[in-house]
Amino acid sequence: MDISVERNLQFPYATLTFAPGETTYIAHGSMIFMQGGLSLNAKLNAKGNGLGKLASAIGRSITSGESVFITEVVSQSGGQMAIAPATPGAIQVLEVGQVQYRLNDRSFLAMDPTVGYSLKHQSLGKAFFGGQGGFFVMTTEGCGRILVNAFGSIAEVTLDDAQDFTIDNNHVVAWDAALDYRIELQSGFLGSIGTGEGLVNHFSGSGKIYIQTLNLKDFSEQLRPFLPSNSGN
């Protein structure tokens, strides 16, 4: 399958071009258009069989914010599809295999059938303070390509044995699974209130981090005064 990202657009989309017999998986509801001999199948977003698979998919949705379903795209005779994330922002193709990645919430867009991801337990401190799925964080496995999306632009940061690299928790998209990280309140509780900087990720080691330039949580707070009230007025 060939993947191209339309980067000349303000809000890009990814074009997937299939040969006959190829399969891929895309995020629930991410298709813009398709042509040719393609079919879409809804699959539970989990491994296993029967009720156990359903329970796992529901549990994954609760713990990580993912959809219960993932869409399988099957090419019978070749075709083309365009996909885009739910939020306006950049798309990044990551090569998975020699390097595995951890993904922040809602950053998954698509993946080769040879790539998967599982939920890994975080420590109690990371789970309590973190934004990456609470007690779990999504970690890739296998070999192939995965597409991630951001709110805003994506910048690539390469660490080379950095002792401490600090990033606002809401700006992290994905990072090398080999990196060590911890999540905490910047400047303590009172300091965080005063500076407006809340949870931050401290990374150390060697590897890459992909960050987004905009903060979806802060953006939603900016919109709050303009949204209808639920008070019934």
Protein backbone atom coordinates (compact mmCIF):
# COMPACT_ATOMS: atom_id res chain seq x y z
CA MET A 1 0.00 0.00 0.00
CA ASP A 2 1.25 3.46 -0.90
CA ILE A 3 0.71 6.33 1.57
CA SER A 4 0.92 10.01 0.67
CA VAL A 5 0.06 13.00 2.86
CA GLU A 6 -1.30 16.14 1.18
CA ARG A 7 0.94 18.56 3.08
CA ASN A 8 0.15 21.59 0.90
CA LEU A 9 -3.29 21.84 2.48
CA GLN A 10 -3.86 23.82 5.65
CA PHE A 11 -5.57 20.77 7.11
CA PRO A 12 -4.01 17.75 5.36
CA TYR A 13 -5.40 14.33 4.65
CA ALA A 14 -3.67 11.04 3.84
CA THR A 15 -4.27 9.15 0.60
CA LEU A 16 -3.98 5.35 0.76
CA THR A 17 -3.50 3.56 -2.59
CA PHE A 18 -4.16 -0.19 -2.52
CA ALA A 19 -3.07 -3.05 -4.71
CA PRO A 20 -5.46 -6.03 -5.00
CA GLY A 21 -5.59 -8.10 -1.81
CA GLU A 22 -4.14 -5.46 0.52
CA THR A 23 -5.65 -4.63 3.91
CA THR A 24 -5.21 -1.83 6.42
CA TYR A 25 -6.88 -0.47 9.54
CA ILE A 26 -8.07 3.10 10.03
CA ALA A 27 -9.54 5.05 12.94
CA HIS A 28 -13.31 4.87 13.34
CA GLY A 29 -15.03 7.52 11.17
CA SER A 30 -11.83 8.81 9.51
CA MET A 31 -12.70 8.13 5.83
CA ILE A 32 -13.25 11.15 3.55
CA PHE A 33 -13.74 9.36 0.21
CA MET A 34 -12.81 6.13 -1.58
CA GLN A 35 -12.88 4.69 -5.08
CA GLY A 36 -12.25 1.29 -6.65
CA GLY A 37 -12.77 -2.15 -5.19
CA LEU A 38 -12.59 -1.37 -1.48
CA SER A 39 -14.82 -2.59 1.31
CA LEU A 40 -15.08 -1.44 4.92
CA ASN A 41 -15.61 -3.79 7.84
CA ALA A 42 -16.22 -2.79 11.45
CA LYS A 43 -14.00 -4.73 13.84
CA LEU A 44 -13.87 -4.73 17.61
CA ASN A 45 -10.80 -2.77 18.68
CA ALA A 46 -9.21 -5.62 20.65
CA LYS A 47 -7.63 -9.03 20.42
CA GLY A 48 -9.23 -12.35 21.32
CA ASN A 49 -12.61 -13.93 20.61
CA GLY A 50 -16.23 -13.82 21.70
CA LEU A 51 -17.38 -11.95 24.79
CA GLY A 52 -13.80 -11.60 25.99
CA LYS A 53 -12.93 -9.58 22.89
CA LEU A 54 -16.00 -7.36 23.38
CA ALA A 55 -15.14 -6.77 27.03
CA SER A 56 -11.55 -5.96 26.07
CA ALA A 57 -12.70 -3.44 23.41
CA ILE A 58 -15.04 -1.73 25.87
CA GLY A 59 -12.31 -1.67 28.52
CA ARG A 60 -9.83 -0.19 26.04
CA SER A 61 -12.35 2.52 25.16
CA ILE A 62 -12.87 3.41 28.82
CA THR A 63 -9.18 3.47 29.73
CA SER A 64 -7.72 5.14 26.64
CA GLY A 65 -10.56 7.08 25.01
CA GLU A 66 -10.38 4.98 21.82
CA SER A 67 -13.43 3.88 19.89
CA VAL A 68 -14.81 0.42 20.66
CA PHE A 69 -14.55 -0.25 16.91
CA ILE A 70 -11.76 0.04 14.36
CA THR A 71 -12.36 -0.02 10.59
CA GLU A 72 -10.76 -2.71 8.43
CA VAL A 73 -10.25 -1.67 4.79
CA VAL A 74 -10.01 -4.58 2.35
CA SER A 75 -9.01 -4.19 -1.30
CA GLN A 76 -10.49 -6.75 -3.68
CA SER A 77 -9.26 -5.20 -6.93
CA GLY A 78 -7.25 -2.16 -5.91
CA GLY A 79 -8.46 1.32 -5.09
CA GLN A 80 -7.81 4.54 -3.27
CA MET A 81 -9.02 6.11 -0.04
CA ALA A 82 -8.53 9.47 1.69
CA ILE A 83 -8.61 9.70 5.48
CA ALA A 84 -8.29 12.55 7.96
CA PRO A 85 -8.41 12.97 11.75
CA ALA A 86 -11.36 14.41 13.64
CA THR A 87 -9.36 17.46 14.75
CA PRO A 88 -7.58 19.90 12.39
CA GLY A 89 -3.88 19.18 12.30
CA ALA A 90 -0.87 17.46 10.79
CA ILE A 91 -0.42 13.77 9.96
CA GLN A 92 2.84 11.88 10.54
CA VAL A 93 3.89 8.47 9.20
CA LEU A 94 5.98 6.47 11.70
CA GLU A 95 8.05 3.40 10.81
CA VAL A 96 7.48 0.72 13.45
CA GLY A 97 9.78 -2.26 13.95
CA GLN A 98 13.27 -1.48 15.12
CA VAL A 99 11.66 1.38 17.05
CA GLN A 100 8.34 1.03 18.88
CA TYR A 101 6.30 4.02 20.02
CA ARG A 102 3.97 5.06 22.78
CA LEU A 103 0.94 7.06 21.62
CA ASN A 104 -1.01 9.77 23.36
CA ASP A 105 -4.82 9.67 23.46
CA ARG A 106 -6.64 10.14 20.15
CA SER A 107 -3.42 10.30 18.10
CA PHE A 108 -4.00 7.03 16.16
CA LEU A 109 -5.18 7.41 12.54
CA ALA A 110 -4.22 4.25 10.59
CA MET A 111 -1.81 1.30 10.54
CA ASP A 112 -0.57 -1.55 8.39
CA PRO A 113 -2.08 -4.97 9.24
CA THR A 114 1.38 -6.06 10.43
CA VAL A 115 1.31 -3.39 13.15
CA GLY A 116 -0.73 -3.49 16.33
CA TYR A 117 -0.81 -1.79 19.66
CA SER A 118 -1.57 -2.81 23.19
CA LEU A 119 -2.25 -1.07 26.47
CA LYS A 120 0.69 -1.14 28.88
CA HIS A 121 0.34 -0.49 32.59
CA GLN A 122 1.72 2.78 33.88
CA SER A 123 2.98 3.36 37.39
CA LEU A 124 0.46 4.74 39.88
CA GLY A 125 1.99 8.23 39.72
CA LYS A 126 1.86 8.36 35.92
CA ALA A 127 -1.65 6.96 35.87
CA PHE A 128 -2.91 9.49 38.42
CA PHE A 129 -1.39 12.55 36.80
CA GLY A 130 -1.10 11.49 33.17
CA GLY A 131 -3.20 12.22 30.14
CA GLN A 132 -2.22 9.08 28.20
CA GLY A 133 -5.12 6.83 29.15
CA GLY A 134 -4.86 6.92 32.93
CA PHE A 135 -3.51 3.58 34.19
CA PHE A 136 -2.59 2.50 30.65
CA VAL A 137 -0.58 3.90 27.74
CA MET A 138 -0.84 2.75 24.12
CA THR A 139 2.32 1.03 22.83
CA THR A 140 2.91 -0.19 19.26
CA GLU A 141 4.10 -3.67 18.34
CA GLY A 142 4.98 -5.51 15.14
CA CYS A 143 6.60 -4.11 12.03
CA GLY A 144 5.23 -1.67 9.44
CA ARG A 145 3.81 1.85 9.36
CA ILE A 146 1.42 3.71 11.62
CA LEU A 147 -0.17 7.10 10.99
CA VAL A 148 -0.61 9.51 13.88
CA ASN A 149 -2.32 12.88 13.89
CA ALA A 150 -1.99 16.05 15.92
CA PHE A 151 -3.92 19.17 16.82
CA GLY A 152 -1.93 21.78 14.91
CA SER A 153 1.50 21.09 13.40
CA ILE A 154 3.86 18.24 14.35
CA ALA A 155 7.47 18.89 15.34
CA GLU A 156 10.08 16.14 15.69
CA VAL A 157 12.46 16.34 18.65
CA THR A 158 15.50 14.03 18.81
CA LEU A 159 17.04 13.37 22.22
CA ASP A 160 20.63 12.17 22.48
CA ASP A 161 21.18 10.99 26.06
CA ALA A 162 19.32 14.07 27.35
CA GLN A 163 19.13 14.13 31.12
CA ASP A 164 15.76 15.89 31.32
CA PHE A 165 13.63 17.23 28.47
CA THR A 166 10.31 18.70 29.62
CA ILE A 167 7.18 18.93 27.43
CA ASP A 168 3.68 20.01 28.37
CA ASN A 169 1.63 16.82 28.66
CA ASN A 170 -1.06 18.05 26.25
CA HIS A 171 1.49 18.70 23.49
CA VAL A 172 2.87 15.15 23.30
CA VAL A 173 1.70 13.03 20.32
CA ALA A 174 4.04 10.01 20.33
CA TRP A 175 7.46 9.04 21.62
CA ASP A 176 10.09 6.33 21.35
CA ALA A 177 9.12 3.53 23.75
CA ALA A 178 12.77 3.20 24.79
CA LEU A 179 12.71 6.66 26.40
CA ASP A 180 12.25 6.97 30.14
CA TYR A 181 9.52 9.38 31.20
CA ARG A 182 7.67 10.64 34.22
CA ILE A 183 4.65 12.91 34.55
CA GLU A 184 4.21 15.52 37.25
CA LEU A 185 2.79 18.96 38.04
CA GLN A 186 5.10 21.72 36.85
CA SER A 187 6.33 23.81 39.83
CA GLY A 188 4.01 21.99 42.22
CA PHE A 189 0.30 22.56 42.72
CA LEU A 190 0.33 26.28 43.56
CA GLY A 191 3.05 27.00 41.01
CA SER A 192 1.01 25.30 38.29
CA ILE A 193 -2.00 27.49 39.09
CA GLY A 194 0.11 30.63 38.99
CA THR A 195 1.95 29.90 35.75
CA GLY A 196 -0.91 28.22 33.90
CA GLU A 197 1.38 25.25 33.19
CA GLY A 198 -0.17 22.03 34.46
CA LEU A 199 1.07 18.50 33.86
CA VAL A 200 4.42 18.03 32.13
CA ASN A 201 6.29 15.02 30.79
CA HIS A 202 9.97 14.66 31.70
CA PHE A 203 11.83 12.55 29.12
CA SER A 204 15.36 11.20 29.30
CA GLY A 205 17.48 8.86 27.16
CA SER A 206 17.91 8.62 23.39
CA GLY A 207 15.06 8.65 20.91
CA LYS A 208 12.45 10.76 19.14
CA ILE A 209 9.43 12.63 20.44
CA TYR A 210 6.66 14.03 18.25
CA ILE A 211 4.91 17.09 19.67
CA GLN A 212 1.89 19.10 18.54
CA THR A 213 2.00 22.88 18.45
CA LEU A 214 -1.54 23.39 19.78
CA ASN A 215 -3.23 22.28 22.98
CA LEU A 216 -6.70 20.80 22.49
CA LYS A 217 -7.60 21.11 26.17
CA ASP A 218 -6.74 24.82 26.29
CA PHE A 219 -8.55 25.39 22.98
CA SER A 220 -11.71 23.78 24.35
CA GLU A 221 -11.53 26.11 27.36
CA GLN A 222 -11.33 29.10 25.01
CA LEU A 223 -14.53 27.92 23.30
CA ARG A 224 -16.45 27.25 26.52
CA PRO A 225 -17.93 30.80 26.87
CA PHE A 226 -19.37 30.55 23.37
CA LEU A 227 -21.02 27.15 23.74
CA PRO A 228 -24.72 26.72 24.67
CA SER A 229 -25.38 26.18 28.36
CA ASN A 230 -26.98 22.95 29.61
CA SER A 231 -28.98 24.85 32.18
CA GLY A 232 -32.02 24.91 29.88
CA ASN A 233 -32.06 28.71 29.54
